[in-house]
Amino acid sequence: MLLHILPAVVTHNFHPDRGAFRNVCNLAIDDAERIIASIRRGGHAYLKENYLQRRMLAESWLIAERRRKIGETPLPRPVYFFLGNVADGWDKSRPASVILPLAMFDVGMITFTFPDSMSSCLHLRSADDIDEPWHGQVFTRDEIEDVIARYGFPDPSQSRERRGPDAFIEVQVWDDRPLENVRRQADLS
C-alpha cells in the first residue's frame, strides 16, 4: 500500500546509552569510530569498515544541498528522523524512539531524502542505481510533498521487507531548538 499524503509525525530512533538527537559525525573521529565499532559488535556487520568516511561524504553532500535549497541553518550537521511512525524496533542498535509532530519544525529548517541520505547520496551510488526520480536528491518540504503526492511512499506500518529498497523517507532537521524542551521533559540527554 502506498501513502499519498505527508505523514504528520516524524520518528527519531536512538540508543538510550548514547542519548537522543545526536549525530555521530559531530564527534571526534576516534570517538565516532568507537561507537560505530560497538554497533558492529552488537550484530550490525552491515556497517562497513569505511562507514564513517561514507557517512561524512553523504553529510557533505547534504550540507551543500541544504545550503543551496534552504540556506544557512543553526546546525551545521543534521539530526536525523524518519518521516512517519517508524518506531518499529527493527534497528536493534537504536531500540528507543521518539515520535514528534512534523509541524514542530519550521519548513525552512528541514530537508528530506528518499530513501535515506546514504542510499540517496550521488557520491555513494553508481549512475545505474539512480532508477527512480527521487533517488539522488535532497528535497524541501514542498518538494517532498509533491513527490509523495505523485509517487506515494510505502506505508511505514508494513514490514520493511514488504516496502522494498525505498522503505522510508529520511528527514534532516537543521535546527535543534525545538528539541530542547523534548530533551528536558523526557530526560533524553
C-alpha atoms as a PDB file:
ATOM      1  CA  MET A   1       0.000   0.000   0.000  1.00  0.00           C
ATOM      2  CA  LEU A   2       1.309   3.453  -0.881  1.00  0.00           C
ATOM      3  CA  LEU A   3       0.517   6.620   1.039  1.00  0.00           C
ATOM      4  CA  HIS A   4      -0.010   9.797  -0.973  1.00  0.00           C
ATOM      5  CA  ILE A   5      -0.109  12.392   1.810  1.00  0.00           C
ATOM      6  CA  LEU A   6       2.649  13.688   4.033  1.00  0.00           C
ATOM      7  CA  PRO A   7       2.545  11.968   7.435  1.00  0.00           C
ATOM      8  CA  ALA A   8       2.000  14.304  10.380  1.00  0.00           C
ATOM      9  CA  VAL A   9       4.777  12.786  12.519  1.00  0.00           C
ATOM     10  CA  VAL A  10       8.494  12.032  12.406  1.00  0.00           C
ATOM     11  CA  THR A  11      10.428   9.373  14.326  1.00  0.00           C
ATOM     12  CA  HIS A  12      13.879   9.601  15.843  1.00  0.00           C
ATOM     13  CA  ASN A  13      15.379   6.217  16.744  1.00  0.00           C
ATOM     14  CA  PHE A  14      18.327   6.114  19.150  1.00  0.00           C
ATOM     15  CA  HIS A  15      20.162   4.040  21.704  1.00  0.00           C
ATOM     16  CA  PRO A  16      19.376   5.168  25.276  1.00  0.00           C
ATOM     17  CA  ASP A  17      23.024   4.796  26.352  1.00  0.00           C
ATOM     18  CA  ARG A  18      24.097   7.288  23.687  1.00  0.00           C
ATOM     19  CA  GLY A  19      21.181   9.717  24.026  1.00  0.00           C
ATOM     20  CA  ALA A  20      18.676  11.142  21.590  1.00  0.00           C
ATOM     21  CA  PHE A  21      19.070  13.753  18.865  1.00  0.00           C
ATOM     22  CA  ARG A  22      22.777  13.117  18.322  1.00  0.00           C
ATOM     23  CA  ASN A  23      24.860  12.772  15.191  1.00  0.00           C
ATOM     24  CA  VAL A  24      27.975  10.575  15.213  1.00  0.00           C
ATOM     25  CA  CYS A  25      29.626  12.973  12.733  1.00  0.00           C
ATOM     26  CA  ASN A  26      29.722  15.661  15.432  1.00  0.00           C
ATOM     27  CA  LEU A  27      32.169  13.550  17.444  1.00  0.00           C
ATOM     28  CA  ALA A  28      35.945  13.360  17.213  1.00  0.00           C
ATOM     29  CA  ILE A  29      36.901  10.657  14.706  1.00  0.00           C
ATOM     30  CA  ASP A  30      38.210   8.250  17.391  1.00  0.00           C
ATOM     31  CA  ASP A  31      35.008   8.586  19.437  1.00  0.00           C
ATOM     32  CA  ALA A  32      32.819   8.149  16.354  1.00  0.00           C
ATOM     33  CA  GLU A  33      34.773   5.061  15.262  1.00  0.00           C
ATOM     34  CA  ARG A  34      34.413   3.601  18.786  1.00  0.00           C
ATOM     35  CA  ILE A  35      30.628   3.972  18.644  1.00  0.00           C
ATOM     36  CA  ILE A  36      30.452   2.508  15.143  1.00  0.00           C
ATOM     37  CA  ALA A  37      32.636  -0.440  16.232  1.00  0.00           C
ATOM     38  CA  SER A  38      30.332  -1.084  19.215  1.00  0.00           C
ATOM     39  CA  ILE A  39      27.321  -1.095  16.864  1.00  0.00           C
ATOM     40  CA  ARG A  40      29.123  -3.599  14.608  1.00  0.00           C
ATOM     41  CA  ARG A  41      29.943  -5.814  17.604  1.00  0.00           C
ATOM     42  CA  GLY A  42      26.284  -5.662  18.567  1.00  0.00           C
ATOM     43  CA  GLY A  43      25.407  -7.649  15.454  1.00  0.00           C
ATOM     44  CA  HIS A  44      25.292  -4.965  12.784  1.00  0.00           C
ATOM     45  CA  ALA A  45      28.004  -6.127  10.429  1.00  0.00           C
ATOM     46  CA  TYR A  46      26.316  -4.189   7.609  1.00  0.00           C
ATOM     47  CA  LEU A  47      28.231  -1.138   8.868  1.00  0.00           C
ATOM     48  CA  LYS A  48      31.291  -1.477   6.663  1.00  0.00           C
ATOM     49  CA  GLU A  49      34.805  -0.585   7.799  1.00  0.00           C
ATOM     50  CA  ASN A  50      34.601   2.684   5.857  1.00  0.00           C
ATOM     51  CA  TYR A  51      31.167   3.612   7.271  1.00  0.00           C
ATOM     52  CA  LEU A  52      32.324   6.867   8.899  1.00  0.00           C
ATOM     53  CA  GLN A  53      34.105   8.000   5.742  1.00  0.00           C
ATOM     54  CA  ARG A  54      30.966   7.232   3.700  1.00  0.00           C
ATOM     55  CA  ARG A  55      28.724   8.930   6.293  1.00  0.00           C
ATOM     56  CA  MET A  56      30.900  12.071   6.191  1.00  0.00           C
ATOM     57  CA  LEU A  57      30.772  12.097   2.383  1.00  0.00           C
ATOM     58  CA  ALA A  58      26.973  11.805   2.468  1.00  0.00           C
ATOM     59  CA  GLU A  59      26.783  14.640   5.010  1.00  0.00           C
ATOM     60  CA  SER A  60      28.999  16.863   2.881  1.00  0.00           C
ATOM     61  CA  TRP A  61      26.507  16.338   0.064  1.00  0.00           C
ATOM     62  CA  LEU A  62      23.558  17.032   2.396  1.00  0.00           C
ATOM     63  CA  ILE A  63      25.205  20.198   3.705  1.00  0.00           C
ATOM     64  CA  ALA A  64      25.894  21.510   0.195  1.00  0.00           C
ATOM     65  CA  GLU A  65      22.336  20.750  -0.916  1.00  0.00           C
ATOM     66  CA  ARG A  66      20.881  22.253   2.269  1.00  0.00           C
ATOM     67  CA  ARG A  67      22.798  25.480   1.599  1.00  0.00           C
ATOM     68  CA  ARG A  68      21.553  25.524  -1.995  1.00  0.00           C
ATOM     69  CA  LYS A  69      17.927  24.753  -1.113  1.00  0.00           C
ATOM     70  CA  ILE A  70      17.258  26.453   2.247  1.00  0.00           C
ATOM     71  CA  GLY A  71      20.395  28.465   3.073  1.00  0.00           C
ATOM     72  CA  GLU A  72      22.255  28.619   6.353  1.00  0.00           C
ATOM     73  CA  THR A  73      20.810  26.969   9.459  1.00  0.00           C
ATOM     74  CA  PRO A  74      21.561  26.891  13.198  1.00  0.00           C
ATOM     75  CA  LEU A  75      23.040  23.361  12.999  1.00  0.00           C
ATOM     76  CA  PRO A  76      25.975  22.653  10.694  1.00  0.00           C
ATOM     77  CA  ARG A  77      25.066  18.929  10.708  1.00  0.00           C
ATOM     78  CA  PRO A  78      21.553  17.488  10.904  1.00  0.00           C
ATOM     79  CA  VAL A  79      19.667  15.484  13.468  1.00  0.00           C
ATOM     80  CA  TYR A  80      18.134  12.505  11.656  1.00  0.00           C
ATOM     81  CA  PHE A  81      14.497  11.409  11.715  1.00  0.00           C
ATOM     82  CA  PHE A  82      12.246   9.207   9.606  1.00  0.00           C
ATOM     83  CA  LEU A  83       9.023  10.518   8.111  1.00  0.00           C
ATOM     84  CA  GLY A  84       6.031   8.821   9.721  1.00  0.00           C
ATOM     85  CA  ASN A  85       5.832   6.479  12.692  1.00  0.00           C
ATOM     86  CA  VAL A  86       8.865   4.236  12.257  1.00  0.00           C
ATOM     87  CA  ALA A  87       9.154   3.167  15.901  1.00  0.00           C
ATOM     88  CA  ASP A  88       9.190  -0.454  14.809  1.00  0.00           C
ATOM     89  CA  GLY A  89      12.255  -1.686  16.733  1.00  0.00           C
ATOM     90  CA  TRP A  90      13.771  -3.019  13.507  1.00  0.00           C
ATOM     91  CA  ASP A  91      17.203  -1.468  14.140  1.00  0.00           C
ATOM     92  CA  LYS A  92      18.476  -3.127  17.337  1.00  0.00           C
ATOM     93  CA  SER A  93      21.323  -0.591  17.557  1.00  0.00           C
ATOM     94  CA  ARG A  94      18.665   2.114  18.100  1.00  0.00           C
ATOM     95  CA  PRO A  95      15.919   0.429  20.144  1.00  0.00           C
ATOM     96  CA  ALA A  96      14.346   3.585  21.608  1.00  0.00           C
ATOM     97  CA  SER A  97      12.173   6.021  19.672  1.00  0.00           C
ATOM     98  CA  VAL A  98      10.718   9.488  19.987  1.00  0.00           C
ATOM     99  CA  ILE A  99       7.741  10.362  17.782  1.00  0.00           C
ATOM    100  CA  LEU A 100       7.137  14.076  17.282  1.00  0.00           C
ATOM    101  CA  PRO A 101       4.777  16.194  15.183  1.00  0.00           C
ATOM    102  CA  LEU A 102       6.374  17.247  11.914  1.00  0.00           C
ATOM    103  CA  ALA A 103       4.737  20.657  12.422  1.00  0.00           C
ATOM    104  CA  MET A 104       7.088  21.462  15.310  1.00  0.00           C
ATOM    105  CA  PHE A 105       9.881  22.040  12.766  1.00  0.00           C
ATOM    106  CA  ASP A 106       9.986  25.173  10.649  1.00  0.00           C
ATOM    107  CA  VAL A 107       9.786  24.229   6.951  1.00  0.00           C
ATOM    108  CA  GLY A 108      12.945  26.263   6.323  1.00  0.00           C
ATOM    109  CA  MET A 109      14.917  24.102   8.748  1.00  0.00           C
ATOM    110  CA  ILE A 110      14.252  20.618   7.368  1.00  0.00           C
ATOM    111  CA  THR A 111      15.214  18.644   4.293  1.00  0.00           C
ATOM    112  CA  PHE A 112      14.306  15.156   3.096  1.00  0.00           C
ATOM    113  CA  THR A 113      15.850  12.276   1.181  1.00  0.00           C
ATOM    114  CA  PHE A 114      14.026   9.291  -0.272  1.00  0.00           C
ATOM    115  CA  PRO A 115      15.258   6.783   0.820  1.00  0.00           C
ATOM    116  CA  ASP A 116      17.864   7.626   3.499  1.00  0.00           C
ATOM    117  CA  SER A 117      20.690  10.042   2.750  1.00  0.00           C
ATOM    118  CA  MET A 118      23.450   7.424   2.469  1.00  0.00           C
ATOM    119  CA  SER A 119      21.402   5.435  -0.031  1.00  0.00           C
ATOM    120  CA  SER A 120      20.473   8.644  -1.890  1.00  0.00           C
ATOM    121  CA  CYS A 121      23.897  10.299  -1.988  1.00  0.00           C
ATOM    122  CA  LEU A 122      25.105  10.634  -5.563  1.00  0.00           C
ATOM    123  CA  HIS A 123      28.729  10.201  -4.451  1.00  0.00           C
ATOM    124  CA  LEU A 124      27.941   6.774  -2.964  1.00  0.00           C
ATOM    125  CA  ARG A 125      25.795   5.463  -5.830  1.00  0.00           C
ATOM    126  CA  SER A 126      26.611   4.423  -9.345  1.00  0.00           C
ATOM    127  CA  ALA A 127      24.678   6.009 -12.206  1.00  0.00           C
ATOM    128  CA  ASP A 128      22.962   2.635 -12.681  1.00  0.00           C
ATOM    129  CA  ASP A 129      21.487   2.917  -9.159  1.00  0.00           C
ATOM    130  CA  ILE A 130      19.562   6.105  -9.961  1.00  0.00           C
ATOM    131  CA  ASP A 131      16.453   4.361 -11.192  1.00  0.00           C
ATOM    132  CA  GLU A 132      13.679   6.354  -9.528  1.00  0.00           C
ATOM    133  CA  PRO A 133      13.016  10.090  -9.955  1.00  0.00           C
ATOM    134  CA  TRP A 134      13.509  10.689  -6.218  1.00  0.00           C
ATOM    135  CA  HIS A 135      16.923   8.992  -5.965  1.00  0.00           C
ATOM    136  CA  GLY A 136      19.992  11.204  -5.622  1.00  0.00           C
ATOM    137  CA  GLN A 137      18.116  14.300  -4.466  1.00  0.00           C
ATOM    138  CA  VAL A 138      17.607  16.399  -1.361  1.00  0.00           C
ATOM    139  CA  PHE A 139      14.101  17.835  -1.086  1.00  0.00           C
ATOM    140  CA  THR A 140      12.487  20.770   0.684  1.00  0.00           C
ATOM    141  CA  ARG A 141       9.167  20.191   2.406  1.00  0.00           C
ATOM    142  CA  ASP A 142       7.178  21.432  -0.603  1.00  0.00           C
ATOM    143  CA  GLU A 143       9.210  19.243  -2.936  1.00  0.00           C
ATOM    144  CA  ILE A 144       8.781  16.069  -0.858  1.00  0.00           C
ATOM    145  CA  GLU A 145       5.035  16.731  -0.631  1.00  0.00           C
ATOM    146  CA  ASP A 146       4.950  16.819  -4.441  1.00  0.00           C
ATOM    147  CA  VAL A 147       6.969  13.590  -4.682  1.00  0.00           C
ATOM    148  CA  ILE A 148       4.661  11.814  -2.224  1.00  0.00           C
ATOM    149  CA  ALA A 149       1.508  13.125  -3.926  1.00  0.00           C
ATOM    150  CA  ARG A 150       2.773  11.930  -7.293  1.00  0.00           C
ATOM    151  CA  TYR A 151       4.505   8.631  -6.449  1.00  0.00           C
ATOM    152  CA  GLY A 152       3.449   7.815  -2.891  1.00  0.00           C
ATOM    153  CA  PHE A 153       5.723   6.021  -0.489  1.00  0.00           C
ATOM    154  CA  PRO A 154       5.461   2.681   1.267  1.00  0.00           C
ATOM    155  CA  ASP A 155       3.296   2.598   4.355  1.00  0.00           C
ATOM    156  CA  PRO A 156       5.559   2.514   7.453  1.00  0.00           C
ATOM    157  CA  SER A 157       3.081   0.200   9.190  1.00  0.00           C
ATOM    158  CA  GLN A 158       4.115  -2.581   6.784  1.00  0.00           C
ATOM    159  CA  SER A 159       7.311  -4.607   7.245  1.00  0.00           C
ATOM    160  CA  ARG A 160      10.495  -3.208   5.719  1.00  0.00           C
ATOM    161  CA  GLU A 161      10.815  -6.307   3.592  1.00  0.00           C
ATOM    162  CA  ARG A 162       7.393  -5.679   2.079  1.00  0.00           C
ATOM    163  CA  ARG A 163       8.154  -1.995   1.467  1.00  0.00           C
ATOM    164  CA  GLY A 164      11.310  -2.780  -0.510  1.00  0.00           C
ATOM    165  CA  PRO A 165      14.501  -0.766  -1.028  1.00  0.00           C
ATOM    166  CA  ASP A 166      12.780   2.618  -0.719  1.00  0.00           C
ATOM    167  CA  ALA A 167      11.374   1.690   2.681  1.00  0.00           C
ATOM    168  CA  PHE A 168      11.304   5.155   4.193  1.00  0.00           C
ATOM    169  CA  ILE A 169      11.923   8.855   3.811  1.00  0.00           C
ATOM    170  CA  GLU A 170      14.630  10.404   5.959  1.00  0.00           C
ATOM    171  CA  VAL A 171      14.165  13.853   7.490  1.00  0.00           C
ATOM    172  CA  GLN A 172      17.175  16.018   8.257  1.00  0.00           C
ATOM    173  CA  VAL A 173      16.481  18.575  10.972  1.00  0.00           C
ATOM    174  CA  TRP A 174      18.885  21.530  10.842  1.00  0.00           C
ATOM    175  CA  ASP A 175      17.664  23.355  13.974  1.00  0.00           C
ATOM    176  CA  ASP A 176      17.600  21.568  17.326  1.00  0.00           C
ATOM    177  CA  ARG A 177      15.996  24.408  19.296  1.00  0.00           C
ATOM    178  CA  PRO A 178      12.531  22.766  19.063  1.00  0.00           C
ATOM    179  CA  LEU A 179      14.110  19.635  20.548  1.00  0.00           C
ATOM    180  CA  GLU A 180      15.411  21.314  23.711  1.00  0.00           C
ATOM    181  CA  ASN A 181      12.076  21.066  25.552  1.00  0.00           C
ATOM    182  CA  VAL A 182      11.548  17.487  24.372  1.00  0.00           C
ATOM    183  CA  ARG A 183      15.024  16.561  25.590  1.00  0.00           C
ATOM    184  CA  ARG A 184      14.447  18.139  29.008  1.00  0.00           C
ATOM    185  CA  GLN A 185      10.919  16.829  29.515  1.00  0.00           C
ATOM    186  CA  ALA A 186      11.794  13.256  28.568  1.00  0.00           C
ATOM    187  CA  ASP A 187      15.311  13.345  30.071  1.00  0.00           C
ATOM    188  CA  LEU A 188      16.846  12.294  26.741  1.00  0.00           C
ATOM    189  CA  SER A 189      20.257  13.888  27.195  1.00  0.00           C
END
